[in-house]
């Protein structure tokens, strides 16, 4: 399994309460997440809103994406936004960790 997929899956599990494991590809992750989101749209919209707030998905951006999405479901559109945001967070953490490690090697006063 790709390390990035593993990290994104773990982050999504943490933020959503899902228990996705051994996700072999980004496409399968997207499909499983989209199915969950579509279920939330129908059964627990408040929970979906809470999850998107917790993950820090921009409400205006989602509304615009949903209006533009004509060939995919709302669940797929939102899943793509969640995966993109979690990927962005992971990249920022990696960048921050790299700088922190470099600072640790420098002489401190």
N, C-alpha and C. Protein backbone atom coordinates (compact mmCIF):
# COMPACT_ATOMS: atom_id res chain seq x y z
N UNK A 1 0.85 -1.19 0.00
CA UNK A 1 0.00 0.00 0.00
C UNK A 1 0.88 1.24 0.00
N UNK A 2 0.49 2.22 -0.77
CA UNK A 2 1.20 3.48 -0.88
C UNK A 2 1.17 4.20 0.48
N UNK A 3 2.32 4.75 0.87
CA UNK A 3 2.43 5.44 2.16
C UNK A 3 1.48 6.63 2.24
N UNK A 4 1.34 7.37 1.14
CA UNK A 4 0.43 8.53 1.13
C UNK A 4 -1.02 8.10 1.35
N UNK A 5 -1.42 7.03 0.68
CA UNK A 5 -2.79 6.54 0.86
C UNK A 5 -3.02 6.12 2.30
N UNK A 6 -2.03 5.46 2.89
CA UNK A 6 -2.14 5.03 4.28
C UNK A 6 -2.31 6.24 5.20
N UNK A 7 -1.49 7.27 5.01
CA UNK A 7 -1.58 8.46 5.85
C UNK A 7 -2.91 9.18 5.66
N UNK A 8 -3.35 9.30 4.43
CA UNK A 8 -4.63 9.97 4.16
C UNK A 8 -5.78 9.17 4.78
N UNK A 9 -5.74 7.86 4.62
CA UNK A 9 -6.78 7.00 5.18
C UNK A 9 -6.82 7.12 6.70
N UNK A 10 -5.65 7.08 7.34
CA UNK A 10 -5.60 7.22 8.80
C UNK A 10 -6.16 8.57 9.25
N UNK A 11 -5.82 9.61 8.53
CA UNK A 11 -6.30 10.94 8.87
C UNK A 11 -7.82 11.04 8.69
N UNK A 12 -8.32 10.48 7.60
CA UNK A 12 -9.77 10.49 7.36
C UNK A 12 -10.49 9.67 8.43
N UNK A 13 -9.94 8.53 8.79
CA UNK A 13 -10.53 7.72 9.85
C UNK A 13 -10.62 8.51 11.15
N UNK A 14 -9.55 9.21 11.47
CA UNK A 14 -9.51 10.01 12.70
C UNK A 14 -10.57 11.12 12.69
N UNK A 15 -10.68 11.80 11.57
CA UNK A 15 -11.58 12.94 11.47
C UNK A 15 -13.05 12.54 11.34
N UNK A 16 -13.32 11.38 10.74
CA UNK A 16 -14.71 11.00 10.45
C UNK A 16 -15.26 9.92 11.37
N UNK A 17 -14.37 9.19 12.04
CA UNK A 17 -14.83 8.08 12.86
C UNK A 17 -14.99 6.79 12.07
N UNK A 18 -14.61 6.82 10.80
CA UNK A 18 -14.65 5.61 9.98
C UNK A 18 -13.53 4.66 10.40
N UNK A 19 -13.61 3.44 9.92
CA UNK A 19 -12.58 2.46 10.20
C UNK A 19 -12.12 1.80 8.91
N UNK A 20 -11.72 2.63 7.95
CA UNK A 20 -11.22 2.11 6.68
C UNK A 20 -9.83 1.54 6.90
N UNK A 21 -9.59 0.31 6.41
CA UNK A 21 -8.28 -0.32 6.55
C UNK A 21 -7.88 -0.97 5.24
N UNK A 22 -6.57 -1.08 5.03
CA UNK A 22 -6.02 -1.74 3.85
C UNK A 22 -6.65 -1.24 2.54
N UNK A 23 -6.71 0.06 2.40
CA UNK A 23 -7.25 0.66 1.19
C UNK A 23 -6.14 0.63 0.14
N UNK A 24 -6.29 -0.16 -0.92
CA UNK A 24 -5.18 -0.36 -1.86
C UNK A 24 -4.96 0.77 -2.86
N UNK A 25 -5.95 1.62 -3.07
CA UNK A 25 -5.77 2.69 -4.06
C UNK A 25 -6.59 3.91 -3.67
N UNK A 26 -6.20 5.03 -4.24
CA UNK A 26 -6.90 6.29 -3.99
C UNK A 26 -8.33 6.22 -4.52
N UNK A 27 -8.54 5.51 -5.61
CA UNK A 27 -9.87 5.38 -6.20
C UNK A 27 -10.81 4.62 -5.25
N UNK A 28 -10.30 3.56 -4.64
CA UNK A 28 -11.13 2.80 -3.69
C UNK A 28 -11.42 3.64 -2.46
N UNK A 29 -10.42 4.38 -1.98
CA UNK A 29 -10.64 5.28 -0.85
C UNK A 29 -11.73 6.28 -1.19
N UNK A 30 -11.65 6.87 -2.37
CA UNK A 30 -12.64 7.85 -2.81
C UNK A 30 -14.03 7.23 -2.86
N UNK A 31 -14.14 6.03 -3.42
CA UNK A 31 -15.44 5.37 -3.53
C UNK A 31 -16.04 5.04 -2.16
N UNK A 32 -15.22 4.54 -1.25
CA UNK A 32 -15.72 4.21 0.08
C UNK A 32 -16.13 5.47 0.84
N UNK A 33 -15.32 6.51 0.74
CA UNK A 33 -15.64 7.77 1.41
C UNK A 33 -16.89 8.40 0.79
N UNK A 34 -17.02 8.37 -0.51
CA UNK A 34 -18.19 8.92 -1.19
C UNK A 34 -19.47 8.20 -0.77
N UNK A 35 -19.40 6.88 -0.65
CA UNK A 35 -20.57 6.11 -0.21
C UNK A 35 -20.98 6.53 1.21
N UNK A 36 -20.00 6.71 2.07
CA UNK A 36 -20.28 7.14 3.44
C UNK A 36 -20.90 8.54 3.45
N UNK A 37 -20.36 9.43 2.65
CA UNK A 37 -20.87 10.81 2.58
C UNK A 37 -22.29 10.82 2.03
N UNK A 38 -22.55 10.05 0.99
CA UNK A 38 -23.91 9.98 0.44
C UNK A 38 -24.89 9.47 1.49
N UNK A 39 -24.45 8.52 2.31
CA UNK A 39 -25.30 8.03 3.40
C UNK A 39 -25.57 9.13 4.43
N UNK A 40 -24.53 9.90 4.74
CA UNK A 40 -24.72 11.02 5.69
C UNK A 40 -25.65 12.08 5.11
N UNK A 41 -25.56 12.34 3.83
CA UNK A 41 -26.44 13.32 3.20
C UNK A 41 -27.90 12.92 3.41
N UNK A 42 -28.16 11.64 3.29
CA UNK A 42 -29.53 11.14 3.43
C UNK A 42 -29.98 10.97 4.87
N UNK A 43 -29.08 10.57 5.76
CA UNK A 43 -29.49 10.16 7.10
C UNK A 43 -29.02 11.06 8.24
N UNK A 44 -27.90 11.77 8.07
CA UNK A 44 -27.37 12.56 9.18
C UNK A 44 -26.56 13.74 8.63
N UNK A 45 -27.27 14.67 8.02
CA UNK A 45 -26.61 15.81 7.38
C UNK A 45 -25.83 16.65 8.39
N UNK A 46 -26.35 16.77 9.62
CA UNK A 46 -25.64 17.54 10.64
C UNK A 46 -24.26 16.96 10.92
N UNK A 47 -24.15 15.65 10.92
CA UNK A 47 -22.85 15.01 11.14
C UNK A 47 -21.91 15.31 9.99
N UNK A 48 -22.42 15.31 8.78
CA UNK A 48 -21.59 15.65 7.62
C UNK A 48 -21.07 17.07 7.74
N UNK A 49 -21.92 17.99 8.11
CA UNK A 49 -21.50 19.38 8.28
C UNK A 49 -20.43 19.48 9.35
N UNK A 50 -20.59 18.75 10.46
CA UNK A 50 -19.60 18.74 11.53
C UNK A 50 -18.26 18.19 11.03
N UNK A 51 -18.30 17.10 10.28
CA UNK A 51 -17.07 16.50 9.75
C UNK A 51 -16.36 17.49 8.82
N UNK A 52 -17.10 18.13 7.94
CA UNK A 52 -16.48 19.08 7.02
C UNK A 52 -15.89 20.27 7.77
N UNK A 53 -16.57 20.70 8.83
CA UNK A 53 -16.03 21.79 9.65
C UNK A 53 -14.75 21.32 10.34
N UNK A 54 -14.77 20.11 10.88
CA UNK A 54 -13.62 19.58 11.60
C UNK A 54 -12.41 19.42 10.68
N UNK A 55 -12.64 19.00 9.46
CA UNK A 55 -11.55 18.81 8.50
C UNK A 55 -11.10 20.14 7.92
N UNK A 56 -11.92 21.16 8.06
CA UNK A 56 -11.63 22.50 7.56
C UNK A 56 -11.83 22.59 6.05
N UNK A 57 -13.01 22.15 5.64
CA UNK A 57 -13.41 22.26 4.23
C UNK A 57 -14.14 23.58 4.07
N UNK A 58 -13.72 24.39 3.12
CA UNK A 58 -14.31 25.70 2.88
C UNK A 58 -15.73 25.55 2.34
N UNK A 59 -16.70 26.11 3.06
CA UNK A 59 -18.11 25.97 2.71
C UNK A 59 -18.41 26.57 1.33
N UNK A 60 -17.88 27.76 1.06
CA UNK A 60 -18.13 28.40 -0.22
C UNK A 60 -17.54 27.59 -1.37
N UNK A 61 -16.34 27.05 -1.15
CA UNK A 61 -15.70 26.24 -2.19
C UNK A 61 -16.51 24.98 -2.47
N UNK A 62 -17.03 24.35 -1.42
CA UNK A 62 -17.84 23.13 -1.60
C UNK A 62 -19.11 23.47 -2.37
N UNK A 63 -19.78 24.55 -2.01
CA UNK A 63 -21.00 24.94 -2.72
C UNK A 63 -20.72 25.16 -4.21
N UNK A 64 -19.61 25.82 -4.48
CA UNK A 64 -19.25 26.07 -5.87
C UNK A 64 -18.94 24.76 -6.60
N UNK A 65 -18.18 23.86 -5.95
CA UNK A 65 -17.86 22.57 -6.56
C UNK A 65 -19.13 21.75 -6.82
N UNK A 66 -20.06 21.79 -5.88
CA UNK A 66 -21.30 21.03 -6.05
C UNK A 66 -22.14 21.58 -7.20
N UNK A 67 -22.13 22.89 -7.37
CA UNK A 67 -22.88 23.48 -8.48
C UNK A 67 -22.25 23.12 -9.83
N UNK A 68 -20.94 23.01 -9.85
CA UNK A 68 -20.23 22.71 -11.10
C UNK A 68 -20.24 21.22 -11.43
N UNK A 69 -20.40 20.37 -10.42
CA UNK A 69 -20.33 18.92 -10.62
C UNK A 69 -21.63 18.42 -11.24
N UNK A 70 -21.56 18.07 -12.50
CA UNK A 70 -22.77 17.60 -13.18
C UNK A 70 -22.72 16.10 -13.48
N UNK A 71 -21.53 15.52 -13.45
CA UNK A 71 -21.41 14.11 -13.81
C UNK A 71 -21.07 13.20 -12.63
N UNK A 72 -20.85 13.77 -11.46
CA UNK A 72 -20.53 12.95 -10.28
C UNK A 72 -21.50 13.30 -9.15
N UNK A 73 -21.62 12.38 -8.21
CA UNK A 73 -22.52 12.59 -7.08
C UNK A 73 -21.94 13.62 -6.11
N UNK A 74 -22.80 14.13 -5.25
CA UNK A 74 -22.35 15.06 -4.22
C UNK A 74 -21.34 14.37 -3.31
N UNK A 75 -21.57 13.10 -3.03
CA UNK A 75 -20.65 12.35 -2.19
C UNK A 75 -19.26 12.28 -2.79
N UNK A 76 -19.18 12.06 -4.09
CA UNK A 76 -17.88 12.00 -4.76
C UNK A 76 -17.19 13.37 -4.75
N UNK A 77 -17.97 14.41 -4.97
CA UNK A 77 -17.41 15.77 -4.96
C UNK A 77 -16.85 16.11 -3.59
N UNK A 78 -17.62 15.81 -2.55
CA UNK A 78 -17.18 16.10 -1.18
C UNK A 78 -16.01 15.19 -0.80
N UNK A 79 -16.05 13.94 -1.21
CA UNK A 79 -14.94 13.02 -0.93
C UNK A 79 -13.64 13.55 -1.55
N UNK A 80 -13.72 14.03 -2.78
CA UNK A 80 -12.54 14.60 -3.43
C UNK A 80 -11.99 15.79 -2.64
N UNK A 81 -12.89 16.64 -2.15
CA UNK A 81 -12.47 17.80 -1.37
C UNK A 81 -11.83 17.37 -0.05
N UNK A 82 -12.38 16.36 0.59
CA UNK A 82 -11.82 15.86 1.85
C UNK A 82 -10.44 15.26 1.61
N UNK A 83 -10.31 14.44 0.59
CA UNK A 83 -9.02 13.81 0.28
C UNK A 83 -7.98 14.88 -0.05
N UNK A 84 -8.37 15.88 -0.82
CA UNK A 84 -7.45 16.96 -1.17
C UNK A 84 -7.01 17.73 0.08
N UNK A 85 -7.95 18.01 0.97
CA UNK A 85 -7.62 18.77 2.19
C UNK A 85 -6.71 17.95 3.10
N UNK A 86 -7.01 16.66 3.26
CA UNK A 86 -6.17 15.82 4.11
C UNK A 86 -4.78 15.67 3.50
N UNK A 87 -4.68 15.57 2.19
CA UNK A 87 -3.38 15.51 1.52
C UNK A 87 -2.58 16.78 1.77
N UNK A 88 -3.28 17.91 1.70
CA UNK A 88 -2.65 19.20 1.95
C UNK A 88 -2.12 19.28 3.38
N UNK A 89 -2.90 18.82 4.35
CA UNK A 89 -2.47 18.84 5.75
C UNK A 89 -1.24 17.97 5.95
N UNK A 90 -1.23 16.80 5.34
CA UNK A 90 -0.09 15.89 5.47
C UNK A 90 1.17 16.52 4.87
N UNK A 91 1.03 17.15 3.71
CA UNK A 91 2.17 17.82 3.07
C UNK A 91 2.70 18.95 3.96
N UNK A 92 1.79 19.70 4.58
CA UNK A 92 2.22 20.78 5.47
C UNK A 92 2.94 20.23 6.70
N UNK A 93 2.45 19.12 7.24
CA UNK A 93 3.12 18.50 8.39
C UNK A 93 4.52 18.03 8.01
N UNK A 94 4.65 17.43 6.82
CA UNK A 94 5.95 16.96 6.37
C UNK A 94 6.92 18.15 6.23
N UNK A 95 6.43 19.21 5.65
CA UNK A 95 7.26 20.40 5.46
C UNK A 95 7.69 20.97 6.80
N UNK A 96 6.76 21.05 7.73
CA UNK A 96 7.06 21.58 9.06
C UNK A 96 8.04 20.68 9.79
N UNK A 97 7.87 19.38 9.68
CA UNK A 97 8.77 18.43 10.34
C UNK A 97 10.18 18.56 9.77
N UNK A 98 10.30 18.75 8.49
CA UNK A 98 11.60 18.91 7.86
C UNK A 98 12.32 20.12 8.41
N UNK A 99 11.61 21.23 8.53
CA UNK A 99 12.22 22.43 9.09
C UNK A 99 12.56 22.26 10.56
N UNK A 100 11.71 21.59 11.31
CA UNK A 100 11.97 21.37 12.73
C UNK A 100 13.20 20.50 12.92
N UNK A 101 13.36 19.46 12.11
CA UNK A 101 14.52 18.59 12.21
C UNK A 101 15.80 19.36 11.90
N UNK A 102 15.75 20.24 10.90
CA UNK A 102 16.91 21.03 10.53
C UNK A 102 17.29 21.96 11.69
N UNK A 103 16.30 22.56 12.34
CA UNK A 103 16.55 23.45 13.46
C UNK A 103 17.17 22.71 14.63
N UNK A 104 16.81 21.47 14.83
CA UNK A 104 17.34 20.68 15.94
C UNK A 104 18.82 20.41 15.78
N UNK A 105 19.29 20.36 14.56
CA UNK A 105 20.71 20.08 14.32
C UNK A 105 21.60 21.30 14.45
N UNK A 106 20.98 22.47 14.44
CA UNK A 106 21.75 23.69 14.59
C UNK A 106 22.09 23.92 16.04
N UNK A 107 23.19 24.62 16.25
CA UNK A 107 23.61 24.91 17.60
C UNK A 107 22.61 25.87 18.25
N UNK A 108 22.26 25.57 19.47
CA UNK A 108 21.28 26.41 20.19
C UNK A 108 22.00 27.24 21.23
N UNK A 109 21.50 28.39 21.49
CA UNK A 109 22.12 29.28 22.46
C UNK A 109 21.53 29.09 23.79
